[in-house]
Amino acid sequence: KLFGFGAILCLHLSFICRLAAMAPTASALIFLHGSGDSGDGVRMWLEHASQGAWQRAMADAGIRVIYPDAPTVPYTLMRGHMMPVWFDRAAMAYNAPEDKEGMARSVEQVDVEIDRLVAEGVPVESIGVVGFSMGGCLALHVVYGRSRYAGKLALCGAMSTFLAEDSSVDALAARRFAGEAARRPPPIFVAHGSEDQMIQPAWAEATRKRLGAAGIKVPDAMTMYRTAHDLCQPEVEALTEFVLRHLKAS
């Protein structure tokens, strides 16, 4: 029965996506999954967490959602085994060094997705990038860091994630968004699970404060949800409202 329901849901989502692809796209959202997951995996996860409301809201608003797949590469935290990840981690720690090479590779992958959307006629300022966990970290790099489109996009969403202590985003964002000649930074949605034992809430809070210091308008406090390293319905509802507010009118 579970398999039958899953198969029906997959067909339903595929039909909705085909209808959306046929219509003119005024705005788009790139959603980046976490480590070990896939684009289809996080799409189904969002649908489950929202009881189907996420995809309906995006389709009704004419927002095309793209779910890229991370490259499958050796992952240190899995003893070097191949795994779909956006970048490597030497350790799951706030002070672990950032994988600059892997991050640059994945930023370019997302930039190519944006290139395609722009070539199809979607304005850069009508494209948002959001992500969960490792995907959220990459979203911060794309929207505020070294991406060719940094500072030009519609929005950023970073859920259950953090920036490494030595991340390049801080300096790049400060150069772009702080000071007298600063440009207006894209709005940001941040959230975290209060019971998260994989990515400590303190790391996310430290990241929020650093982004604010770099000139990005962050919430006065991290929005916390009573969940572990997970997506929950209230969080997806809040993300939906944020995306609609900043993309629907763009």
Protein backbone atom coordinates (compact mmCIF):
# COMPACT_ATOMS: atom_id res chain seq x y z
CA LYS A 1 0.00 0.00 0.00
CA LEU A 2 2.83 2.37 0.83
CA PHE A 3 4.51 1.59 -2.46
CA GLY A 4 1.25 2.17 -4.32
CA PHE A 5 0.72 5.52 -2.62
CA GLY A 6 4.31 6.56 -3.36
CA ALA A 7 3.95 5.61 -7.02
CA ILE A 8 0.71 7.59 -7.34
CA LEU A 9 2.29 10.60 -5.63
CA CYS A 10 5.30 10.43 -7.97
CA LEU A 11 3.01 10.40 -11.01
CA HIS A 12 1.00 13.30 -9.57
CA LEU A 13 4.12 15.38 -8.95
CA SER A 14 5.50 14.53 -12.38
CA PHE A 15 2.24 15.70 -13.99
CA ILE A 16 2.31 18.99 -12.02
CA CYS A 17 5.96 19.58 -12.99
CA ARG A 18 5.19 18.97 -16.68
CA LEU A 19 2.31 21.44 -16.57
CA ALA A 20 4.55 24.00 -14.88
CA ALA A 21 7.28 23.46 -17.46
CA MET A 22 4.79 24.12 -20.29
CA ALA A 23 3.78 27.50 -18.88
CA PRO A 24 5.90 30.65 -19.22
CA THR A 25 8.23 30.97 -16.23
CA ALA A 26 8.27 34.37 -14.55
CA SER A 27 10.29 33.28 -11.54
CA ALA A 28 12.23 30.25 -10.38
CA LEU A 29 13.61 28.65 -7.23
CA ILE A 30 16.60 26.34 -6.96
CA PHE A 31 16.34 23.97 -3.98
CA LEU A 32 19.59 22.29 -2.87
CA HIS A 33 19.39 19.00 -0.96
CA GLY A 34 21.53 17.84 1.94
CA SER A 35 24.37 15.30 1.99
CA GLY A 36 23.52 11.80 0.82
CA ASP A 37 20.20 12.92 -0.65
CA SER A 38 19.09 13.84 -4.17
CA GLY A 39 16.94 16.40 -5.92
CA ASP A 40 14.03 13.97 -6.18
CA GLY A 41 14.55 12.95 -2.57
CA VAL A 42 14.24 16.44 -1.14
CA ARG A 43 11.30 17.18 -3.44
CA MET A 44 9.42 14.21 -2.00
CA TRP A 45 10.51 15.18 1.51
CA LEU A 46 9.05 18.67 1.07
CA GLU A 47 5.82 17.21 -0.24
CA HIS A 48 5.56 14.82 2.71
CA ALA A 49 6.38 17.50 5.29
CA SER A 50 3.85 19.94 3.79
CA GLN A 51 1.19 17.32 2.98
CA GLY A 52 1.36 18.38 -0.65
CA ALA A 53 0.98 22.12 -0.02
CA TRP A 54 4.53 23.08 -1.09
CA GLN A 55 4.28 21.97 -4.72
CA ARG A 56 0.73 23.30 -5.09
CA ALA A 57 1.74 26.73 -3.77
CA MET A 58 4.73 26.96 -6.10
CA ALA A 59 2.70 25.83 -9.11
CA ASP A 60 -0.18 28.20 -8.33
CA ALA A 61 2.26 31.12 -8.08
CA GLY A 62 3.95 30.21 -11.37
CA ILE A 63 7.27 29.55 -9.65
CA ARG A 64 9.36 26.87 -11.32
CA VAL A 65 11.28 24.83 -8.75
CA ILE A 66 14.50 23.07 -9.78
CA TYR A 67 16.04 20.34 -7.64
CA PRO A 68 19.63 19.68 -8.79
CA ASP A 69 21.63 16.61 -7.77
CA ALA A 70 24.98 16.97 -6.02
CA PRO A 71 27.96 15.22 -7.63
CA THR A 72 28.89 11.80 -6.26
CA VAL A 73 32.40 12.18 -4.84
CA PRO A 74 34.55 10.70 -2.04
CA TYR A 75 33.30 11.95 1.33
CA THR A 76 35.69 12.07 4.26
CA LEU A 77 32.97 11.70 6.89
CA MET A 78 32.05 8.38 5.25
CA ARG A 79 35.68 7.17 5.25
CA GLY A 80 36.17 8.26 1.66
CA HIS A 81 33.24 6.31 0.22
CA MET A 82 31.44 7.81 -2.76
CA MET A 83 28.44 9.91 -1.77
CA PRO A 84 26.28 12.66 -3.32
CA VAL A 85 27.60 15.76 -1.55
CA TRP A 86 28.10 19.38 -2.59
CA PHE A 87 31.51 19.57 -0.88
CA ASP A 88 33.69 17.57 1.46
CA ARG A 89 33.90 17.88 5.24
CA ALA A 90 37.07 17.03 7.13
CA ALA A 91 34.94 16.82 10.28
CA MET A 92 31.44 17.75 11.38
CA ALA A 93 32.64 20.73 13.39
CA TYR A 94 32.28 24.51 13.32
CA ASN A 95 36.05 24.98 13.19
CA ALA A 96 36.66 22.37 10.46
CA PRO A 97 38.24 23.96 7.36
CA GLU A 98 36.00 24.79 4.43
CA ASP A 99 36.47 22.68 1.29
CA LYS A 100 37.23 25.55 -1.06
CA GLU A 101 37.73 23.39 -4.16
CA GLY A 102 34.52 21.42 -3.67
CA MET A 103 32.56 24.56 -2.85
CA ALA A 104 33.82 26.33 -5.98
CA ARG A 105 32.80 23.34 -8.10
CA SER A 106 29.28 23.28 -6.69
CA VAL A 107 28.83 27.06 -6.86
CA GLU A 108 29.66 26.82 -10.56
CA GLN A 109 27.13 23.97 -10.96
CA VAL A 110 24.40 26.17 -9.50
CA ASP A 111 25.57 29.11 -11.61
CA VAL A 112 25.10 26.96 -14.72
CA GLU A 113 21.53 26.23 -13.61
CA ILE A 114 20.98 29.97 -13.27
CA ASP A 115 22.59 30.53 -16.70
CA ARG A 116 19.96 28.21 -18.22
CA LEU A 117 17.10 30.00 -16.50
CA VAL A 118 18.37 33.40 -17.65
CA ALA A 119 18.75 32.08 -21.20
CA GLU A 120 15.11 30.98 -21.02
CA GLY A 121 14.08 34.52 -20.12
CA VAL A 122 13.80 34.38 -16.32
CA PRO A 123 15.22 37.61 -14.82
CA VAL A 124 18.11 37.11 -12.41
CA GLU A 125 16.28 39.13 -9.78
CA SER A 126 13.39 36.63 -10.02
CA ILE A 127 15.52 33.60 -9.14
CA GLY A 128 15.99 32.38 -5.58
CA VAL A 129 18.28 29.74 -4.07
CA VAL A 130 17.43 27.81 -0.93
CA GLY A 131 18.79 24.66 0.67
CA PHE A 132 18.73 22.28 3.59
CA SER A 133 21.81 21.33 5.63
CA MET A 134 24.79 21.10 3.26
CA GLY A 135 22.56 22.54 0.54
CA GLY A 136 21.78 25.51 2.77
CA CYS A 137 25.47 26.22 3.18
CA LEU A 138 25.90 26.15 -0.60
CA ALA A 139 22.92 28.50 -0.98
CA LEU A 140 24.70 31.04 1.25
CA HIS A 141 27.79 30.82 -0.95
CA VAL A 142 25.75 31.28 -4.13
CA VAL A 143 23.58 34.18 -2.97
CA TYR A 144 26.16 36.10 -0.90
CA GLY A 145 29.59 34.66 -1.72
CA ARG A 146 31.63 33.82 -4.82
CA SER A 147 28.87 33.04 -7.33
CA ARG A 148 28.73 35.05 -10.57
CA TYR A 149 25.22 35.99 -9.47
CA ALA A 150 25.98 36.84 -5.83
CA GLY A 151 24.05 39.89 -4.67
CA LYS A 152 21.76 39.84 -7.71
CA LEU A 153 19.30 37.07 -6.83
CA ALA A 154 15.83 37.34 -5.32
CA LEU A 155 16.34 35.50 -2.05
CA CYS A 156 18.26 32.96 0.00
CA GLY A 157 17.01 30.19 2.27
CA ALA A 158 19.36 28.38 4.67
CA MET A 159 17.80 25.70 6.87
CA SER A 160 19.57 23.52 9.43
CA THR A 161 22.98 24.67 8.27
CA PHE A 162 26.08 26.69 9.15
CA LEU A 163 29.12 28.31 7.58
CA ALA A 164 32.55 26.99 8.52
CA GLU A 165 34.42 29.32 10.84
CA ASP A 166 36.96 30.09 8.10
CA SER A 167 34.34 30.50 5.34
CA SER A 168 35.06 32.91 2.51
CA VAL A 169 31.46 34.19 2.58
CA ASP A 170 32.09 36.64 5.44
CA ALA A 171 34.67 38.76 3.66
CA LEU A 172 32.98 38.55 0.26
CA ALA A 173 29.61 39.54 1.68
CA ALA A 174 31.06 42.39 3.75
CA ARG A 175 32.81 43.77 0.69
CA ARG A 176 29.53 43.68 -1.23
CA PHE A 177 26.93 44.63 1.39
CA ALA A 178 28.71 46.65 4.08
CA GLY A 179 30.08 50.21 3.83
CA GLU A 180 28.92 53.40 2.14
CA ALA A 181 28.75 51.96 -1.38
CA ALA A 182 26.95 48.79 -0.25
CA ARG A 183 24.23 47.26 -2.38
CA ARG A 184 21.03 45.89 -0.90
CA PRO A 185 21.45 42.21 0.00
CA PRO A 186 18.86 39.62 -1.05
CA PRO A 187 16.48 38.75 1.82
CA ILE A 188 17.21 35.59 3.80
CA PHE A 189 15.17 32.86 5.50
CA VAL A 190 16.95 30.99 8.28
CA ALA A 191 15.62 28.22 10.51
CA HIS A 192 16.94 25.36 12.61
CA GLY A 193 15.77 22.38 14.63
CA SER A 194 16.09 22.85 18.39
CA GLU A 195 16.78 19.11 18.77
CA ASP A 196 19.37 18.94 15.98
CA GLN A 197 22.30 16.79 17.12
CA MET A 198 24.09 16.77 13.76
CA ILE A 199 24.46 20.53 13.24
CA GLN A 200 24.42 22.26 16.59
CA PRO A 201 22.00 25.19 16.89
CA ALA A 202 24.89 27.25 18.30
CA TRP A 203 26.72 26.92 14.96
CA ALA A 204 23.65 28.19 13.11
CA GLU A 205 23.27 31.09 15.55
CA ALA A 206 26.93 32.03 15.14
CA THR A 207 26.45 31.97 11.37
CA ARG A 208 23.38 34.23 11.65
CA LYS A 209 25.38 36.78 13.64
CA ARG A 210 28.28 36.66 11.17
CA LEU A 211 25.95 37.24 8.22
CA GLY A 212 24.49 40.24 10.01
CA ALA A 213 27.95 41.61 10.66
CA ALA A 214 28.66 41.29 6.92
CA GLY A 215 25.77 43.60 6.08
CA ILE A 216 23.03 41.03 5.43
CA LYS A 217 19.69 41.83 7.04
CA VAL A 218 19.08 38.76 9.20
CA PRO A 219 16.26 38.11 11.68
CA ASP A 220 16.88 39.33 15.22
CA ALA A 221 16.90 35.69 16.36
CA MET A 222 17.18 32.29 14.75
CA THR A 223 13.76 30.73 14.12
CA MET A 224 13.77 27.41 15.96
CA TYR A 225 11.44 24.48 15.37
CA ARG A 226 10.99 21.57 17.76
CA THR A 227 12.56 18.98 15.51
CA ALA A 228 15.89 17.25 14.92
CA HIS A 229 17.91 17.49 11.68
CA ASP A 230 14.71 17.53 9.70
CA LEU A 231 12.10 19.55 7.83
CA CYS A 232 8.77 19.96 9.62
CA GLN A 233 5.41 21.26 8.43
CA PRO A 234 5.50 24.65 10.22
CA GLU A 235 8.98 25.29 8.82
CA VAL A 236 7.96 24.47 5.25
CA GLU A 237 4.86 26.66 5.67
CA ALA A 238 7.05 29.57 6.79
CA LEU A 239 9.46 28.97 3.90
CA THR A 240 6.54 28.88 1.47
CA GLU A 241 5.24 32.22 2.72
CA PHE A 242 8.73 33.74 2.46
CA VAL A 243 9.26 32.48 -1.10
CA LEU A 244 5.83 33.66 -2.25
CA ARG A 245 6.39 37.09 -0.72
CA HIS A 246 9.67 37.65 -2.52
CA LEU A 247 9.15 35.77 -5.80
CA LYS A 248 5.45 36.02 -6.63
CA ALA A 249 5.58 39.80 -6.96
CA SER A 250 8.98 39.86 -8.71
